[in-house]
Protein backbone atom coordinates (compact mmCIF):
# COMPACT_ATOMS: atom_id res chain seq x y z
CA MET A 1 -33.36 30.17 -257.82
CA TYR A 2 -37.14 29.74 -258.01
CA ARG A 3 -36.89 27.80 -261.31
CA LYS A 4 -34.23 25.53 -259.83
CA ALA A 5 -36.42 24.75 -256.80
CA VAL A 6 -39.42 24.01 -259.03
CA PHE A 7 -37.29 21.75 -261.24
CA CYS A 8 -35.95 19.84 -258.18
CA PHE A 9 -39.46 19.44 -256.81
CA MET A 10 -40.72 18.15 -260.17
CA MET A 11 -37.82 15.66 -260.43
CA LEU A 12 -38.49 14.35 -256.91
CA ALA A 13 -42.17 13.96 -257.71
CA PHE A 14 -41.31 12.15 -260.96
CA LEU A 15 -38.81 9.81 -259.28
CA SER A 16 -41.13 9.01 -256.36
CA GLY A 17 -43.86 8.24 -258.88
CA MET A 18 -41.54 5.76 -260.57
CA VAL A 19 -40.85 4.00 -257.27
CA ALA A 20 -44.53 3.96 -256.36
CA GLU A 21 -45.39 2.65 -259.82
CA GLY A 22 -42.98 -0.27 -259.41
CA THR A 23 -44.41 -1.37 -256.08
CA MET A 24 -47.91 -2.51 -255.35
CA ALA A 25 -49.75 -1.72 -252.14
CA PHE A 26 -50.89 -4.70 -250.05
CA THR A 27 -54.69 -4.43 -250.12
CA ILE A 28 -57.80 -6.43 -249.23
CA GLU A 29 -61.27 -5.70 -250.57
CA SER A 30 -64.66 -7.25 -251.14
CA PRO A 31 -67.00 -6.99 -254.13
CA ALA A 32 -69.84 -7.19 -251.57
CA PHE A 33 -69.10 -3.87 -249.80
CA GLU A 34 -66.74 -0.91 -250.03
CA ASN A 35 -64.26 -0.05 -247.31
CA GLY A 36 -66.06 1.88 -244.57
CA ARG A 37 -69.51 1.03 -245.93
CA GLU A 38 -72.33 -1.21 -244.69
CA ILE A 39 -71.90 -4.97 -244.86
CA PRO A 40 -74.91 -6.50 -246.64
CA SER A 41 -77.20 -8.47 -244.31
CA THR A 42 -76.46 -11.67 -246.27
CA TYR A 43 -73.14 -11.84 -244.40
CA THR A 44 -74.68 -11.25 -240.94
CA CYS A 45 -76.78 -13.11 -238.37
CA GLN A 46 -79.84 -11.50 -239.96
CA GLY A 47 -79.07 -13.10 -243.32
CA ARG A 48 -77.35 -16.29 -244.46
CA ASP A 49 -74.45 -15.63 -242.04
CA VAL A 50 -71.83 -16.65 -244.61
CA SER A 51 -68.42 -15.07 -245.08
CA PRO A 52 -68.23 -12.34 -247.71
CA PRO A 53 -66.11 -12.80 -250.82
CA LEU A 54 -62.67 -11.28 -250.32
CA SER A 55 -59.80 -10.54 -252.67
CA TRP A 56 -56.32 -9.22 -252.10
CA SER A 57 -53.27 -8.13 -254.01
CA GLY A 58 -49.79 -6.78 -253.47
CA VAL A 59 -48.69 -9.50 -251.05
CA PRO A 60 -45.14 -8.53 -250.03
CA ALA A 61 -42.36 -10.36 -251.87
CA GLY A 62 -40.95 -13.17 -249.74
CA ALA A 63 -44.17 -13.80 -247.83
CA ARG A 64 -44.58 -17.51 -247.10
CA THR A 65 -48.15 -17.48 -245.80
CA LEU A 66 -51.11 -15.25 -244.87
CA ALA A 67 -53.36 -14.97 -241.82
CA LEU A 68 -56.82 -13.38 -241.68
CA ILE A 69 -58.64 -12.12 -238.59
CA ALA A 70 -62.13 -10.60 -238.67
CA SER A 71 -63.14 -8.77 -235.52
CA ASP A 72 -65.40 -6.12 -233.98
CA PRO A 73 -63.64 -3.71 -231.58
CA ASP A 74 -66.94 -2.01 -230.66
CA ALA A 75 -68.44 -4.82 -228.57
CA PRO A 76 -70.81 -4.86 -226.93
CA ASP A 77 -71.82 -1.19 -227.32
CA PRO A 78 -69.98 1.24 -229.61
CA ALA A 79 -70.70 4.04 -227.12
CA ASN A 80 -68.89 2.01 -224.43
CA PRO A 81 -66.75 -0.72 -226.06
CA ARG A 82 -65.34 -3.22 -223.58
CA MET A 83 -63.90 -5.93 -225.80
CA THR A 84 -63.02 -7.02 -229.30
CA TRP A 85 -65.38 -9.75 -230.54
CA VAL A 86 -63.67 -12.20 -232.88
CA HIS A 87 -65.64 -13.37 -235.92
CA TRP A 88 -63.10 -15.39 -237.90
CA VAL A 89 -59.54 -16.68 -237.52
CA LEU A 90 -57.59 -18.17 -240.44
CA TYR A 91 -53.90 -18.92 -240.82
CA ASN A 92 -51.49 -20.55 -243.26
CA LEU A 93 -53.40 -19.28 -246.28
CA PRO A 94 -51.05 -19.72 -249.26
CA ALA A 95 -49.08 -16.54 -249.96
CA ASP A 96 -49.90 -16.87 -253.66
CA SER A 97 -53.67 -16.98 -253.05
CA THR A 98 -55.67 -13.98 -254.22
CA GLY A 99 -58.87 -14.25 -252.22
CA LEU A 100 -61.70 -16.32 -250.82
CA PRO A 101 -65.13 -16.97 -252.34
CA GLU A 102 -68.39 -16.17 -250.58
CA GLY A 103 -69.09 -18.71 -247.86
CA ALA A 104 -65.50 -19.99 -247.64
CA GLY A 105 -65.56 -19.75 -243.86
CA ASN A 106 -68.68 -21.86 -243.61
CA ASN A 107 -68.53 -24.54 -246.28
CA GLY A 108 -64.90 -25.61 -246.17
CA THR A 109 -63.81 -24.17 -249.53
CA LEU A 110 -60.57 -22.84 -248.11
CA PRO A 111 -57.28 -23.14 -250.00
CA ASP A 112 -55.21 -26.26 -249.28
CA GLY A 113 -53.18 -25.90 -246.10
CA THR A 114 -55.37 -23.18 -244.61
CA MET A 115 -56.22 -23.72 -240.96
CA GLN A 116 -58.98 -22.13 -238.87
CA GLY A 117 -58.92 -20.86 -235.33
CA VAL A 118 -61.80 -20.44 -232.94
CA ASN A 119 -64.08 -17.40 -232.97
CA ASP A 120 -65.81 -15.89 -229.93
CA TRP A 121 -68.83 -18.15 -230.42
CA GLY A 122 -66.47 -20.98 -229.50
CA ARG A 123 -66.43 -22.59 -232.96
CA THR A 124 -64.30 -22.58 -236.07
CA GLY A 125 -65.49 -20.84 -239.20
CA TYR A 126 -67.03 -17.48 -239.87
CA GLY A 127 -69.63 -15.90 -237.63
CA GLY A 128 -71.13 -12.77 -239.13
CA PRO A 129 -71.92 -9.40 -237.58
CA CYS A 130 -74.68 -9.56 -234.98
CA PRO A 131 -74.35 -6.42 -232.86
CA PRO A 132 -76.57 -6.21 -229.77
CA ILE A 133 -76.81 -2.40 -230.01
CA GLY A 134 -75.72 0.39 -232.34
CA SER A 135 -73.61 0.45 -235.47
CA HIS A 136 -70.39 -1.55 -235.16
CA ARG A 137 -67.19 -1.61 -237.20
CA TYR A 138 -65.92 -4.95 -238.52
CA PHE A 139 -62.28 -5.25 -239.52
CA PHE A 140 -60.94 -7.91 -241.89
CA ARG A 141 -57.17 -7.80 -241.33
CA LEU A 142 -54.89 -9.77 -243.61
CA TYR A 143 -51.31 -10.36 -242.50
CA ALA A 144 -48.38 -11.44 -244.70
CA LEU A 145 -45.98 -13.65 -242.75
CA ASP A 146 -42.39 -14.64 -243.44
CA LYS A 147 -42.98 -18.24 -242.30
CA ILE A 148 -45.52 -21.03 -242.38
CA LEU A 149 -46.90 -21.39 -238.87
CA PRO A 150 -46.89 -24.79 -237.16
CA ASP A 151 -50.22 -26.52 -236.54
CA LEU A 152 -51.65 -24.46 -233.69
CA GLY A 153 -54.83 -26.53 -233.48
CA THR A 154 -57.73 -24.09 -233.28
CA PRO A 155 -56.09 -21.00 -231.81
CA SER A 156 -57.91 -17.96 -230.49
CA MET A 157 -57.09 -14.60 -232.03
CA LYS A 158 -54.76 -13.89 -229.11
CA GLU A 159 -52.90 -17.19 -229.58
CA LEU A 160 -52.56 -16.61 -233.32
CA LEU A 161 -51.27 -13.06 -232.84
CA HIS A 162 -48.71 -14.41 -230.36
CA ALA A 163 -47.55 -17.07 -232.86
CA MET A 164 -47.25 -14.39 -235.59
CA LYS A 165 -45.16 -12.03 -233.45
CA GLY A 166 -41.93 -11.09 -235.22
CA HIS A 167 -43.06 -12.64 -238.51
CA VAL A 168 -45.45 -10.00 -239.94
CA MET A 169 -44.16 -8.51 -243.19
CA GLY A 170 -47.25 -6.49 -244.04
CA GLU A 171 -50.88 -5.88 -243.12
CA ALA A 172 -53.93 -4.99 -245.20
CA GLU A 173 -57.28 -3.95 -243.79
CA LEU A 174 -60.90 -3.79 -244.91
CA MET A 175 -63.54 -2.27 -242.62
CA GLY A 176 -67.29 -2.62 -242.92
CA ARG A 177 -70.13 -1.44 -240.71
CA TYR A 178 -73.33 -3.09 -239.57
CA LYS A 179 -76.34 -2.22 -237.43
CA LYS A 180 -79.23 -4.62 -236.90
CA LYS A 181 -82.40 -3.72 -238.75
């Protein structure tokens, strides 16, 4: 009985490994910082304030477009957060794109068709971490959508999330931290 249970367990592990091997996780990362680690000051208000390089893989099959939102849920004080501060809003990134170069949110080197929304500084483009107090978390969330969104103008994060409702096929997340020096 014991040998049969071990054999069944080993077969299940083998078969689940085959399934996992055939599928690729939807991920986003940056060569500038590791997930959960400090964002270099170059990408903050204390540096050049340019968007970090980003790359992604494993976009779900059938995705038509991607959306990216960078935000800080710890504003204004991580000990007493009261809002999410939006740093960057992008939508209609091509589903076959694999990333963005450093500074893409500031110098207009976005893939064809990509549109930008408005951040909480009231402008389009990337605005880097600039926490007033404490160490904050910054989330870069990439969404795979099953449709190309209509021209929303320069939507806020809330407006973009509303337009995406019911069309999200997958989500990938990268988190970095920053505290002013």
